[in-house]
Amino acid sequence: MPQDGSDKPFCKVDTPAAWKQAQTAGMLQAAQDESLDPMAVAPDGSSVIAASRRDGRVTLVWLRDQGRERTTIYTVANSGQGGLGLADFDGRWLVFDVVASNDVGSKWELFAWDSRAGGAPKSIAKTQVGPDGNPVPGPFMYPWVNDGKATWVQGVSDGTKDQKLTDVQRQVHLYDLASATDKIVHTGRMAPSFFAGDTLVWPEAFAIDTPTKLTAVTAQGTPGSLPAALAAADGSPASASDGTTWAWTGVGNKNLYAWRAGWPAPVMVVEGAPIDWVHVAGDVITWTDSTATWAADLRGRAYTQMTPQYGGTNSHGTAVVVSYTGPDKRSVSYVFTSAGLAPLSCPQ
């Protein structure tokens, strides 16, 4: 099976029995009157962070043993007006945001929680408010955490009441969770930042109305570099990497590309349909389009459908948590790891 990024096209295949067995084995167990919506997964797949929705109440929970063991982390005060945003989990540290309302541009607050220490989550950042009393606009809040460090991007005010949206600068934050110290590593016009192994990456536009390109620093916040193969990659927000394998979409979030260390050039995984929520987990890349959630195996250059309808994924390390809405309107979710999973392969 090709390992070198050759131009052999990816094929669509039926989900093999081994993959279906892994899905069944990793199914999250919810209570009879509960919907569990996964938000993040530990790198080894041993635990999941999820929103538990029950009797109109929303709580953030840490699930082990497929949900049979759980710890309550946070309870949403008024789920009807706001609620939980997005989250990431490195196996010890969790970062998540809480939004004041469901409106675009709503105020948010970012929290961190140490699963070893337990206790209540600690607030580490909030929306900046401008002189006019309104939240300073920024990109969609998408926090990431890796090896005890968190990152996010937020808008900053220039101190004037008539600041134009196109003039709003954004800052990339690098936060050490153990020491509770925050460092601003860059200011510009960028989409949410993310960790690619030990590298901190973000898509940035260097002038208004210009295409975005991926930019990087080290995990210490010092100048970094990207592989030469990514020089021409469109820096869309739908970009992901584990430091070895990279995946991103083209202009308009159409076409999915991939590259990994040792390949001479990027390859196209799928083309045509708008793509979002791209994740990398070892040999597997997952994404969602308007119909379903999919997974491509780079070992056999094949991809398969992971949900019967529109769904979503989160990943960290080699672990992936997949979810979709079942017939009873409750979330159906399962976890699998790409490590040890039989490769997908095209028919001979």
C-alpha atoms as a PDB file:
ATOM      1  CA  MET A   1       0.000   0.000   0.000  1.00  0.00           C
ATOM      2  CA  PRO A   2       1.381   3.431  -0.872  1.00  0.00           C
ATOM      3  CA  GLN A   3       3.126   5.301   1.919  1.00  0.00           C
ATOM      4  CA  ASP A   4       4.820   8.006  -0.127  1.00  0.00           C
ATOM      5  CA  GLY A   5       2.071  10.385  -1.247  1.00  0.00           C
ATOM      6  CA  SER A   6       1.866   9.080  -4.806  1.00  0.00           C
ATOM      7  CA  ASP A   7      -0.923  10.356  -7.045  1.00  0.00           C
ATOM      8  CA  LYS A   8      -3.093   7.252  -6.865  1.00  0.00           C
ATOM      9  CA  PRO A   9      -6.631   8.557  -6.127  1.00  0.00           C
ATOM     10  CA  PHE A  10      -8.398   7.756  -2.881  1.00  0.00           C
ATOM     11  CA  CYS A  11     -11.333   5.379  -3.280  1.00  0.00           C
ATOM     12  CA  LYS A  12     -14.595   5.233  -1.367  1.00  0.00           C
ATOM     13  CA  VAL A  13     -15.184   1.884   0.349  1.00  0.00           C
ATOM     14  CA  ASP A  14     -17.792   0.276   2.563  1.00  0.00           C
ATOM     15  CA  THR A  15     -16.878   0.296   6.254  1.00  0.00           C
ATOM     16  CA  PRO A  16     -15.122  -3.031   6.947  1.00  0.00           C
ATOM     17  CA  ALA A  17     -16.180  -5.367   9.755  1.00  0.00           C
ATOM     18  CA  ALA A  18     -13.103  -4.553  11.874  1.00  0.00           C
ATOM     19  CA  TRP A  19     -13.963  -0.852  11.842  1.00  0.00           C
ATOM     20  CA  LYS A  20     -17.607  -1.554  12.708  1.00  0.00           C
ATOM     21  CA  GLN A  21     -16.472  -3.730  15.619  1.00  0.00           C
ATOM     22  CA  ALA A  22     -14.250  -0.905  16.877  1.00  0.00           C
ATOM     23  CA  GLN A  23     -17.204   1.499  16.684  1.00  0.00           C
ATOM     24  CA  THR A  24     -19.442  -0.848  18.676  1.00  0.00           C
ATOM     25  CA  ALA A  25     -16.749  -1.466  21.293  1.00  0.00           C
ATOM     26  CA  GLY A  26     -16.214   2.275  21.760  1.00  0.00           C
ATOM     27  CA  MET A  27     -19.879   3.301  22.031  1.00  0.00           C
ATOM     28  CA  LEU A  28     -20.539   5.825  24.826  1.00  0.00           C
ATOM     29  CA  GLN A  29     -23.181   4.736  27.309  1.00  0.00           C
ATOM     30  CA  ALA A  30     -25.729   7.435  28.178  1.00  0.00           C
ATOM     31  CA  ALA A  31     -28.471   7.213  30.797  1.00  0.00           C
ATOM     32  CA  GLN A  32     -31.975   6.478  29.511  1.00  0.00           C
ATOM     33  CA  ASP A  33     -33.089  10.108  29.796  1.00  0.00           C
ATOM     34  CA  GLU A  34     -29.744  11.662  28.816  1.00  0.00           C
ATOM     35  CA  SER A  35     -28.047  12.862  25.639  1.00  0.00           C
ATOM     36  CA  LEU A  36     -24.242  12.863  25.663  1.00  0.00           C
ATOM     37  CA  ASP A  37     -22.623  15.248  23.184  1.00  0.00           C
ATOM     38  CA  PRO A  38     -18.842  14.635  23.072  1.00  0.00           C
ATOM     39  CA  MET A  39     -16.646  17.730  23.013  1.00  0.00           C
ATOM     40  CA  ALA A  40     -13.105  16.344  23.335  1.00  0.00           C
ATOM     41  CA  VAL A  41     -11.208  13.075  23.685  1.00  0.00           C
ATOM     42  CA  ALA A  42      -8.022  12.038  25.478  1.00  0.00           C
ATOM     43  CA  PRO A  43      -5.075  11.217  23.152  1.00  0.00           C
ATOM     44  CA  ASP A  44      -5.277   7.493  23.914  1.00  0.00           C
ATOM     45  CA  GLY A  45      -9.076   7.325  23.702  1.00  0.00           C
ATOM     46  CA  SER A  46      -9.421   6.274  27.351  1.00  0.00           C
ATOM     47  CA  SER A  47     -11.741   9.131  28.300  1.00  0.00           C
ATOM     48  CA  VAL A  48     -14.045  11.714  26.770  1.00  0.00           C
ATOM     49  CA  ILE A  49     -15.236  15.191  27.731  1.00  0.00           C
ATOM     50  CA  ALA A  50     -18.949  15.545  26.960  1.00  0.00           C
ATOM     51  CA  ALA A  51     -21.946  17.796  27.487  1.00  0.00           C
ATOM     52  CA  SER A  52     -24.610  15.885  29.382  1.00  0.00           C
ATOM     53  CA  ARG A  53     -28.119  17.134  28.559  1.00  0.00           C
ATOM     54  CA  ARG A  54     -30.749  15.908  30.956  1.00  0.00           C
ATOM     55  CA  ASP A  55     -34.083  17.378  32.116  1.00  0.00           C
ATOM     56  CA  GLY A  56     -33.210  20.739  30.577  1.00  0.00           C
ATOM     57  CA  ARG A  57     -29.911  20.882  32.468  1.00  0.00           C
ATOM     58  CA  VAL A  58     -26.488  20.919  30.816  1.00  0.00           C
ATOM     59  CA  THR A  59     -23.354  19.739  32.611  1.00  0.00           C
ATOM     60  CA  LEU A  60     -19.819  19.197  31.393  1.00  0.00           C
ATOM     61  CA  VAL A  61     -18.630  15.721  32.380  1.00  0.00           C
ATOM     62  CA  TRP A  62     -15.431  13.662  32.180  1.00  0.00           C
ATOM     63  CA  LEU A  63     -16.322  10.126  31.052  1.00  0.00           C
ATOM     64  CA  ARG A  64     -14.264   6.969  31.553  1.00  0.00           C
ATOM     65  CA  ASP A  65     -15.093   3.353  30.742  1.00  0.00           C
ATOM     66  CA  GLN A  66     -17.375   4.456  27.852  1.00  0.00           C
ATOM     67  CA  GLY A  67     -19.400   6.660  30.200  1.00  0.00           C
ATOM     68  CA  ARG A  68     -19.953   4.203  33.039  1.00  0.00           C
ATOM     69  CA  GLU A  69     -17.637   6.264  35.262  1.00  0.00           C
ATOM     70  CA  ARG A  70     -17.976  10.037  35.268  1.00  0.00           C
ATOM     71  CA  THR A  71     -16.962  13.252  36.997  1.00  0.00           C
ATOM     72  CA  THR A  72     -18.987  16.466  36.806  1.00  0.00           C
ATOM     73  CA  ILE A  73     -16.745  19.396  35.850  1.00  0.00           C
ATOM     74  CA  TYR A  74     -19.069  22.349  35.265  1.00  0.00           C
ATOM     75  CA  THR A  75     -22.795  23.079  35.285  1.00  0.00           C
ATOM     76  CA  VAL A  76     -24.200  25.642  32.851  1.00  0.00           C
ATOM     77  CA  ALA A  77     -26.068  28.295  34.816  1.00  0.00           C
ATOM     78  CA  ASN A  78     -28.624  29.213  32.146  1.00  0.00           C
ATOM     79  CA  SER A  79     -28.564  26.845  29.191  1.00  0.00           C
ATOM     80  CA  GLY A  80     -31.496  28.625  27.570  1.00  0.00           C
ATOM     81  CA  GLN A  81     -29.507  31.822  26.968  1.00  0.00           C
ATOM     82  CA  GLY A  82     -25.940  30.616  26.493  1.00  0.00           C
ATOM     83  CA  GLY A  83     -23.987  27.477  27.101  1.00  0.00           C
ATOM     84  CA  LEU A  84     -20.904  25.491  26.353  1.00  0.00           C
ATOM     85  CA  GLY A  85     -18.752  26.398  23.371  1.00  0.00           C
ATOM     86  CA  LEU A  86     -15.856  24.173  22.297  1.00  0.00           C
ATOM     87  CA  ALA A  87     -13.245  22.214  24.235  1.00  0.00           C
ATOM     88  CA  ASP A  88      -9.948  20.350  23.949  1.00  0.00           C
ATOM     89  CA  PHE A  89      -8.320  17.805  26.280  1.00  0.00           C
ATOM     90  CA  ASP A  90      -4.713  16.558  26.377  1.00  0.00           C
ATOM     91  CA  GLY A  91      -5.429  13.704  28.798  1.00  0.00           C
ATOM     92  CA  ARG A  92      -4.775  15.838  31.871  1.00  0.00           C
ATOM     93  CA  TRP A  93      -5.709  19.428  31.111  1.00  0.00           C
ATOM     94  CA  LEU A  94      -9.074  20.513  29.733  1.00  0.00           C
ATOM     95  CA  VAL A  95      -9.798  23.929  28.233  1.00  0.00           C
ATOM     96  CA  PHE A  96     -13.352  24.958  27.322  1.00  0.00           C
ATOM     97  CA  ASP A  97     -15.325  28.129  26.740  1.00  0.00           C
ATOM     98  CA  VAL A  98     -18.733  29.236  27.965  1.00  0.00           C
ATOM     99  CA  VAL A  99     -20.727  31.714  25.872  1.00  0.00           C
ATOM    100  CA  ALA A 100     -23.157  34.295  27.260  1.00  0.00           C
ATOM    101  CA  SER A 101     -25.650  33.739  24.431  1.00  0.00           C
ATOM    102  CA  ASN A 102     -26.039  31.905  21.169  1.00  0.00           C
ATOM    103  CA  ASP A 103     -25.660  35.115  19.167  1.00  0.00           C
ATOM    104  CA  VAL A 104     -22.673  35.563  16.869  1.00  0.00           C
ATOM    105  CA  GLY A 105     -20.101  37.732  18.629  1.00  0.00           C
ATOM    106  CA  SER A 106     -21.412  36.901  22.097  1.00  0.00           C
ATOM    107  CA  LYS A 107     -19.200  37.368  25.154  1.00  0.00           C
ATOM    108  CA  TRP A 108     -17.270  34.259  26.155  1.00  0.00           C
ATOM    109  CA  GLU A 109     -15.163  33.075  29.069  1.00  0.00           C
ATOM    110  CA  LEU A 110     -12.399  30.487  28.789  1.00  0.00           C
ATOM    111  CA  PHE A 111     -11.799  27.958  31.571  1.00  0.00           C
ATOM    112  CA  ALA A 112      -9.102  25.407  32.394  1.00  0.00           C
ATOM    113  CA  TRP A 113      -9.478  22.260  34.488  1.00  0.00           C
ATOM    114  CA  ASP A 114      -6.824  19.856  35.794  1.00  0.00           C
ATOM    115  CA  SER A 115      -8.192  16.309  35.879  1.00  0.00           C
ATOM    116  CA  ARG A 116      -5.473  15.254  38.336  1.00  0.00           C
ATOM    117  CA  ALA A 117      -6.200  17.974  40.880  1.00  0.00           C
ATOM    118  CA  GLY A 118      -9.965  18.077  40.359  1.00  0.00           C
ATOM    119  CA  GLY A 119     -11.934  20.893  41.917  1.00  0.00           C
ATOM    120  CA  ALA A 120     -13.628  23.746  40.082  1.00  0.00           C
ATOM    121  CA  PRO A 121     -12.410  24.961  36.677  1.00  0.00           C
ATOM    122  CA  LYS A 122     -10.430  28.224  36.689  1.00  0.00           C
ATOM    123  CA  SER A 123     -11.131  31.168  34.410  1.00  0.00           C
ATOM    124  CA  ILE A 124      -8.099  32.008  32.271  1.00  0.00           C
ATOM    125  CA  ALA A 125      -9.482  34.516  29.712  1.00  0.00           C
ATOM    126  CA  LYS A 126     -12.537  36.572  28.784  1.00  0.00           C
ATOM    127  CA  THR A 127     -13.810  38.497  25.796  1.00  0.00           C
ATOM    128  CA  GLN A 128     -12.263  41.954  25.607  1.00  0.00           C
ATOM    129  CA  VAL A 129     -14.850  44.757  25.686  1.00  0.00           C
ATOM    130  CA  GLY A 130     -14.343  47.950  23.670  1.00  0.00           C
ATOM    131  CA  PRO A 131     -15.019  51.557  24.738  1.00  0.00           C
ATOM    132  CA  ASP A 132     -18.559  51.252  23.378  1.00  0.00           C
ATOM    133  CA  GLY A 133     -19.297  48.420  25.812  1.00  0.00           C
ATOM    134  CA  ASN A 134     -19.595  45.776  23.085  1.00  0.00           C
ATOM    135  CA  PRO A 135     -17.413  42.682  22.751  1.00  0.00           C
ATOM    136  CA  VAL A 136     -14.411  43.181  20.473  1.00  0.00           C
ATOM    137  CA  PRO A 137     -15.033  40.903  17.476  1.00  0.00           C
ATOM    138  CA  GLY A 138     -12.674  38.047  16.862  1.00  0.00           C
ATOM    139  CA  PRO A 139     -12.623  34.608  15.259  1.00  0.00           C
ATOM    140  CA  PHE A 140     -14.812  31.781  16.476  1.00  0.00           C
ATOM    141  CA  MET A 141     -13.473  30.749  19.887  1.00  0.00           C
ATOM    142  CA  TYR A 142     -11.683  27.448  19.330  1.00  0.00           C
ATOM    143  CA  PRO A 143      -9.335  26.602  22.224  1.00  0.00           C
ATOM    144  CA  TRP A 144      -6.641  23.936  21.922  1.00  0.00           C
ATOM    145  CA  VAL A 145      -4.428  22.283  24.523  1.00  0.00           C
ATOM    146  CA  ASN A 146      -1.347  20.107  24.199  1.00  0.00           C
ATOM    147  CA  ASP A 147       1.165  18.931  26.798  1.00  0.00           C
ATOM    148  CA  GLY A 148      -0.053  21.409  29.400  1.00  0.00           C
ATOM    149  CA  LYS A 149      -0.211  24.452  27.143  1.00  0.00           C
ATOM    150  CA  ALA A 150      -3.326  26.106  25.757  1.00  0.00           C
ATOM    151  CA  THR A 151      -3.804  28.409  22.783  1.00  0.00           C
ATOM    152  CA  TRP A 152      -6.587  30.595  21.447  1.00  0.00           C
ATOM    153  CA  VAL A 153      -7.055  33.733  19.344  1.00  0.00           C
ATOM    154  CA  GLN A 154      -9.078  36.778  20.350  1.00  0.00           C
ATOM    155  CA  GLY A 155      -9.744  40.285  19.046  1.00  0.00           C
ATOM    156  CA  VAL A 156      -8.208  43.348  20.721  1.00  0.00           C
ATOM    157  CA  SER A 157      -9.548  46.896  20.899  1.00  0.00           C
ATOM    158  CA  ASP A 158      -7.604  49.880  19.578  1.00  0.00           C
ATOM    159  CA  GLY A 159      -9.289  52.057  22.188  1.00  0.00           C
ATOM    160  CA  THR A 160     -11.645  53.868  19.824  1.00  0.00           C
ATOM    161  CA  LYS A 161     -15.429  53.660  19.713  1.00  0.00           C
ATOM    162  CA  ASP A 162     -15.644  53.656  15.925  1.00  0.00           C
ATOM    163  CA  GLN A 163     -13.178  50.837  15.304  1.00  0.00           C
ATOM    164  CA  LYS A 164     -14.040  49.124  12.026  1.00  0.00           C
ATOM    165  CA  LEU A 165     -14.348  45.371  11.920  1.00  0.00           C
ATOM    166  CA  THR A 166     -11.678  45.208   9.210  1.00  0.00           C
ATOM    167  CA  ASP A 167      -9.284  47.095  11.494  1.00  0.00           C
ATOM    168  CA  VAL A 168      -9.632  44.760  14.470  1.00  0.00           C
ATOM    169  CA  GLN A 169      -6.349  43.053  15.285  1.00  0.00           C
ATOM    170  CA  ARG A 170      -6.237  39.587  16.786  1.00  0.00           C
ATOM    171  CA  GLN A 171      -3.757  38.049  19.194  1.00  0.00           C
ATOM    172  CA  VAL A 172      -2.488  34.487  19.449  1.00  0.00           C
ATOM    173  CA  HIS A 173      -2.236  33.412  23.087  1.00  0.00           C
ATOM    174  CA  LEU A 174       0.056  30.695  24.445  1.00  0.00           C
ATOM    175  CA  TYR A 175      -0.889  29.831  28.015  1.00  0.00           C
ATOM    176  CA  ASP A 176       1.117  27.616  30.383  1.00  0.00           C
ATOM    177  CA  LEU A 177      -1.525  25.873  32.466  1.00  0.00           C
ATOM    178  CA  ALA A 178       0.735  24.659  35.298  1.00  0.00           C
ATOM    179  CA  SER A 179       2.170  28.118  36.016  1.00  0.00           C
ATOM    180  CA  ALA A 180      -0.954  30.055  34.924  1.00  0.00           C
ATOM    181  CA  THR A 181       1.109  32.376  32.711  1.00  0.00           C
ATOM    182  CA  ASP A 182      -0.121  33.840  29.445  1.00  0.00           C
ATOM    183  CA  LYS A 183       2.073  34.932  26.518  1.00  0.00           C
ATOM    184  CA  ILE A 184       0.925  36.776  23.395  1.00  0.00           C
ATOM    185  CA  VAL A 185       3.064  35.371  20.591  1.00  0.00           C
ATOM    186  CA  HIS A 186       1.676  37.271  17.609  1.00  0.00           C
ATOM    187  CA  THR A 187      -0.748  40.030  16.587  1.00  0.00           C
ATOM    188  CA  GLY A 188      -2.353  40.174  13.154  1.00  0.00           C
ATOM    189  CA  ARG A 189      -5.347  38.931  11.176  1.00  0.00           C
ATOM    190  CA  MET A 190      -5.665  35.231  11.833  1.00  0.00           C
ATOM    191  CA  ALA A 191      -8.120  32.393  12.270  1.00  0.00           C
ATOM    192  CA  PRO A 192      -8.021  30.128  15.367  1.00  0.00           C
ATOM    193  CA  SER A 193      -4.626  28.691  16.296  1.00  0.00           C
ATOM    194  CA  PHE A 194      -3.905  25.007  16.887  1.00  0.00           C
ATOM    195  CA  PHE A 195      -1.078  22.717  17.961  1.00  0.00           C
ATOM    196  CA  ALA A 196       0.670  20.515  15.408  1.00  0.00           C
ATOM    197  CA  GLY A 197       2.751  18.347  17.693  1.00  0.00           C
ATOM    198  CA  ASP A 198       5.262  20.727  19.288  1.00  0.00           C
ATOM    199  CA  THR A 199       4.450  23.541  16.842  1.00  0.00           C
ATOM    200  CA  LEU A 200       1.850  26.262  17.311  1.00  0.00           C
ATOM    201  CA  VAL A 201       0.144  27.099  13.997  1.00  0.00           C
ATOM    202  CA  TRP A 202      -2.498  29.501  12.723  1.00  0.00           C
ATOM    203  CA  PRO A 203      -3.889  30.623   9.341  1.00  0.00           C
ATOM    204  CA  GLU A 204      -3.104  34.296   8.741  1.00  0.00           C
ATOM    205  CA  ALA A 205      -3.982  36.925   6.146  1.00  0.00           C
ATOM    206  CA  PHE A 206      -1.138  39.421   5.793  1.00  0.00           C
ATOM    207  CA  ALA A 207      -3.361  42.017   4.145  1.00  0.00           C
ATOM    208  CA  ILE A 208      -7.116  42.623   3.935  1.00  0.00           C
ATOM    209  CA  ASP A 209      -8.889  40.486   1.317  1.00  0.00           C
ATOM    210  CA  THR A 210      -5.841  38.300   0.665  1.00  0.00           C
ATOM    211  CA  PRO A 211      -5.669  34.486   0.984  1.00  0.00           C
ATOM    212  CA  THR A 212      -4.569  33.125   4.337  1.00  0.00           C
ATOM    213  CA  LYS A 213      -1.377  31.111   4.768  1.00  0.00           C
ATOM    214  CA  LEU A 214      -0.264  28.903   7.629  1.00  0.00           C
ATOM    215  CA  THR A 215       2.160  30.518  10.087  1.00  0.00           C
ATOM    216  CA  ALA A 216       4.030  28.819  12.934  1.00  0.00           C
ATOM    217  CA  VAL A 217       6.001  29.317  16.131  1.00  0.00           C
ATOM    218  CA  THR A 218       7.458  26.787  18.553  1.00  0.00           C
ATOM    219  CA  ALA A 219       5.586  25.608  21.625  1.00  0.00           C
ATOM    220  CA  GLN A 220       7.728  28.102  23.564  1.00  0.00           C
ATOM    221  CA  GLY A 221       6.478  30.968  21.407  1.00  0.00           C
ATOM    222  CA  THR A 222       9.743  31.535  19.537  1.00  0.00           C
ATOM    223  CA  PRO A 223       9.915  31.791  15.716  1.00  0.00           C
ATOM    224  CA  GLY A 224       9.210  28.470  14.017  1.00  0.00           C
ATOM    225  CA  SER A 225       8.905  27.032  10.538  1.00  0.00           C
ATOM    226  CA  LEU A 226       6.643  24.749   8.528  1.00  0.00           C
ATOM    227  CA  PRO A 227       7.571  21.927   6.159  1.00  0.00           C
ATOM    228  CA  ALA A 228       8.364  23.183   2.661  1.00  0.00           C
ATOM    229  CA  ALA A 229       5.522  21.059   1.255  1.00  0.00           C
ATOM    230  CA  LEU A 230       3.026  23.320   3.030  1.00  0.00           C
ATOM    231  CA  ALA A 231       4.313  26.562   1.525  1.00  0.00           C
ATOM    232  CA  ALA A 232       1.518  26.634  -1.059  1.00  0.00           C
ATOM    233  CA  ALA A 233      -1.211  25.333   1.247  1.00  0.00           C
ATOM    234  CA  ASP A 234      -4.246  27.523   1.674  1.00  0.00           C
ATOM    235  CA  GLY A 235      -4.423  28.369   5.367  1.00  0.00           C
ATOM    236  CA  SER A 236      -8.115  27.713   5.782  1.00  0.00           C
ATOM    237  CA  PRO A 237      -9.606  27.404   9.266  1.00  0.00           C
ATOM    238  CA  ALA A 238     -10.296  23.767   8.339  1.00  0.00           C
ATOM    239  CA  SER A 239      -6.650  22.814   8.875  1.00  0.00           C
ATOM    240  CA  ALA A 240      -5.271  20.183  11.247  1.00  0.00           C
ATOM    241  CA  SER A 241      -2.068  18.341  12.074  1.00  0.00           C
ATOM    242  CA  ASP A 242      -0.459  16.074  14.642  1.00  0.00           C
ATOM    243  CA  GLY A 243       2.991  17.369  13.703  1.00  0.00           C
ATOM    244  CA  THR A 244       3.686  14.553  11.235  1.00  0.00           C
ATOM    245  CA  THR A 245       0.530  14.435   9.137  1.00  0.00           C
ATOM    246  CA  TRP A 246      -1.191  17.585   7.860  1.00  0.00           C
ATOM    247  CA  ALA A 247      -4.656  18.051   6.348  1.00  0.00           C
ATOM    248  CA  TRP A 248      -6.311  21.180   4.991  1.00  0.00           C
ATOM    249  CA  THR A 249      -9.007  22.357   2.604  1.00  0.00           C
ATOM    250  CA  GLY A 250      -8.636  24.533  -0.471  1.00  0.00           C
ATOM    251  CA  VAL A 251     -10.286  27.807  -1.390  1.00  0.00           C
ATOM    252  CA  GLY A 252     -13.892  27.969  -0.196  1.00  0.00           C
ATOM    253  CA  ASN A 253     -13.268  24.930   2.031  1.00  0.00           C
ATOM    254  CA  LYS A 254     -13.576  22.694  -1.024  1.00  0.00           C
ATOM    255  CA  ASN A 255     -11.201  19.795  -1.693  1.00  0.00           C
ATOM    256  CA  LEU A 256      -9.300  18.062   1.102  1.00  0.00           C
ATOM    257  CA  TYR A 257      -5.517  17.764   0.884  1.00  0.00           C
ATOM    258  CA  ALA A 258      -3.025  15.817   2.975  1.00  0.00           C
ATOM    259  CA  TRP A 259       0.720  15.594   3.418  1.00  0.00           C
ATOM    260  CA  ARG A 260       2.937  13.722   5.838  1.00  0.00           C
ATOM    261  CA  ALA A 261       6.634  13.663   6.564  1.00  0.00           C
ATOM    262  CA  GLY A 262       8.470  11.696   3.866  1.00  0.00           C
ATOM    263  CA  TRP A 263       5.985  12.416   1.078  1.00  0.00           C
ATOM    264  CA  PRO A 264       7.358  14.370  -1.887  1.00  0.00           C
ATOM    265  CA  ALA A 265       4.194  16.453  -2.274  1.00  0.00           C
ATOM    266  CA  PRO A 266       0.653  16.879  -0.903  1.00  0.00           C
ATOM    267  CA  VAL A 267      -2.154  14.676  -2.230  1.00  0.00           C
ATOM    268  CA  MET A 268      -5.854  15.314  -2.758  1.00  0.00           C
ATOM    269  CA  VAL A 269      -8.036  13.103  -0.580  1.00  0.00           C
ATOM    270  CA  VAL A 270     -11.489  14.178  -1.829  1.00  0.00           C
ATOM    271  CA  GLU A 271     -12.676  16.987  -4.067  1.00  0.00           C
ATOM    272  CA  GLY A 272     -15.796  18.967  -4.846  1.00  0.00           C
ATOM    273  CA  ALA A 273     -17.937  19.177  -1.724  1.00  0.00           C
ATOM    274  CA  PRO A 274     -17.540  21.856   0.969  1.00  0.00           C
ATOM    275  CA  ILE A 275     -15.636  20.354   3.909  1.00  0.00           C
ATOM    276  CA  ASP A 276     -15.395  21.314   7.567  1.00  0.00           C
ATOM    277  CA  TRP A 277     -14.176  20.075  10.957  1.00  0.00           C
ATOM    278  CA  VAL A 278     -10.996  18.437   9.678  1.00  0.00           C
ATOM    279  CA  HIS A 279      -9.041  16.351  12.205  1.00  0.00           C
ATOM    280  CA  VAL A 280      -5.880  14.242  12.099  1.00  0.00           C
ATOM    281  CA  ALA A 281      -5.394  11.119  14.234  1.00  0.00           C
ATOM    282  CA  GLY A 282      -2.303   9.202  13.197  1.00  0.00           C
ATOM    283  CA  ASP A 283      -3.010   7.410   9.907  1.00  0.00           C
ATOM    284  CA  VAL A 284      -6.626   8.617   9.833  1.00  0.00           C
ATOM    285  CA  ILE A 285      -8.077  11.963   8.724  1.00  0.00           C
ATOM    286  CA  THR A 286     -11.713  12.763   9.526  1.00  0.00           C
ATOM    287  CA  TRP A 287     -13.991  15.485   8.194  1.00  0.00           C
ATOM    288  CA  THR A 288     -17.655  16.429   7.843  1.00  0.00           C
ATOM    289  CA  ASP A 289     -19.571  17.533   4.766  1.00  0.00           C
ATOM    290  CA  SER A 290     -23.261  18.322   4.303  1.00  0.00           C
ATOM    291  CA  THR A 291     -24.225  14.634   4.272  1.00  0.00           C
ATOM    292  CA  ALA A 292     -22.140  12.781   6.854  1.00  0.00           C
ATOM    293  CA  THR A 293     -18.824  12.415   8.663  1.00  0.00           C
ATOM    294  CA  TRP A 294     -16.021  10.578   6.874  1.00  0.00           C
ATOM    295  CA  ALA A 295     -12.634   9.034   7.596  1.00  0.00           C
ATOM    296  CA  ALA A 296      -9.720   8.507   5.210  1.00  0.00           C
ATOM    297  CA  ASP A 297      -6.926   6.021   5.860  1.00  0.00           C
ATOM    298  CA  LEU A 298      -3.602   7.273   4.476  1.00  0.00           C
ATOM    299  CA  ARG A 299      -2.119   3.770   4.520  1.00  0.00           C
ATOM    300  CA  GLY A 300      -4.503   2.332   1.944  1.00  0.00           C
ATOM    301  CA  ARG A 301      -5.629   5.606   0.319  1.00  0.00           C
ATOM    302  CA  ALA A 302      -9.297   4.812   0.942  1.00  0.00           C
ATOM    303  CA  TYR A 303     -12.115   6.575   2.780  1.00  0.00           C
ATOM    304  CA  THR A 304     -15.389   5.475   4.334  1.00  0.00           C
ATOM    305  CA  GLN A 305     -18.562   6.929   5.843  1.00  0.00           C
ATOM    306  CA  MET A 306     -18.515   7.061   9.659  1.00  0.00           C
ATOM    307  CA  THR A 307     -22.055   8.298  10.403  1.00  0.00           C
ATOM    308  CA  PRO A 308     -25.399   7.528   8.724  1.00  0.00           C
ATOM    309  CA  GLN A 309     -26.105  11.276   8.433  1.00  0.00           C
ATOM    310  CA  TYR A 310     -24.589  14.651   9.248  1.00  0.00           C
ATOM    311  CA  GLY A 311     -22.359  14.343  12.321  1.00  0.00           C
ATOM    312  CA  GLY A 312     -19.035  15.455  13.697  1.00  0.00           C
ATOM    313  CA  THR A 313     -15.722  14.395  15.198  1.00  0.00           C
ATOM    314  CA  ASN A 314     -13.088  15.528  17.656  1.00  0.00           C
ATOM    315  CA  SER A 315      -9.623  14.041  17.917  1.00  0.00           C
ATOM    316  CA  HIS A 316      -6.408  14.161  19.904  1.00  0.00           C
ATOM    317  CA  GLY A 317      -3.378  11.931  19.450  1.00  0.00           C
ATOM    318  CA  THR A 318      -4.565   8.745  17.748  1.00  0.00           C
ATOM    319  CA  ALA A 319      -8.065   8.921  19.250  1.00  0.00           C
ATOM    320  CA  VAL A 320     -11.259  10.038  17.523  1.00  0.00           C
ATOM    321  CA  VAL A 321     -14.720  10.538  19.008  1.00  0.00           C
ATOM    322  CA  VAL A 322     -17.560  10.482  16.473  1.00  0.00           C
ATOM    323  CA  SER A 323     -21.132  11.629  17.061  1.00  0.00           C
ATOM    324  CA  TYR A 324     -24.421  12.098  15.239  1.00  0.00           C
ATOM    325  CA  THR A 325     -28.095  12.480  16.114  1.00  0.00           C
ATOM    326  CA  GLY A 326     -29.937   9.183  16.406  1.00  0.00           C
ATOM    327  CA  PRO A 327     -33.575   8.375  15.569  1.00  0.00           C
ATOM    328  CA  ASP A 328     -34.686   9.382  19.086  1.00  0.00           C
ATOM    329  CA  LYS A 329     -33.052  12.843  18.660  1.00  0.00           C
ATOM    330  CA  ARG A 330     -30.342  11.939  21.168  1.00  0.00           C
ATOM    331  CA  SER A 331     -26.642  11.901  20.350  1.00  0.00           C
ATOM    332  CA  VAL A 332     -25.040   8.602  19.337  1.00  0.00           C
ATOM    333  CA  SER A 333     -21.291   8.630  19.995  1.00  0.00           C
ATOM    334  CA  TYR A 334     -18.341   6.272  19.861  1.00  0.00           C
ATOM    335  CA  VAL A 335     -14.561   6.401  20.298  1.00  0.00           C
ATOM    336  CA  PHE A 336     -11.890   4.601  18.297  1.00  0.00           C
ATOM    337  CA  THR A 337      -8.139   4.877  17.922  1.00  0.00           C
ATOM    338  CA  SER A 338      -6.244   4.619  14.655  1.00  0.00           C
ATOM    339  CA  ALA A 339      -3.400   2.794  16.415  1.00  0.00           C
ATOM    340  CA  GLY A 340      -3.827  -0.915  15.738  1.00  0.00           C
ATOM    341  CA  LEU A 341      -6.840  -0.388  13.476  1.00  0.00           C
ATOM    342  CA  ALA A 342      -6.823  -2.482  10.306  1.00  0.00           C
ATOM    343  CA  PRO A 343      -6.079  -0.290   7.250  1.00  0.00           C
ATOM    344  CA  LEU A 344      -8.792   0.647   4.821  1.00  0.00           C
ATOM    345  CA  SER A 345      -7.875  -0.491   1.333  1.00  0.00           C
ATOM    346  CA  CYS A 346      -9.230  -0.153  -2.179  1.00  0.00           C
ATOM    347  CA  PRO A 347     -10.509  -3.177  -4.109  1.00  0.00           C
ATOM    348  CA  GLN A 348      -7.846  -4.843  -6.211  1.00  0.00           C
END
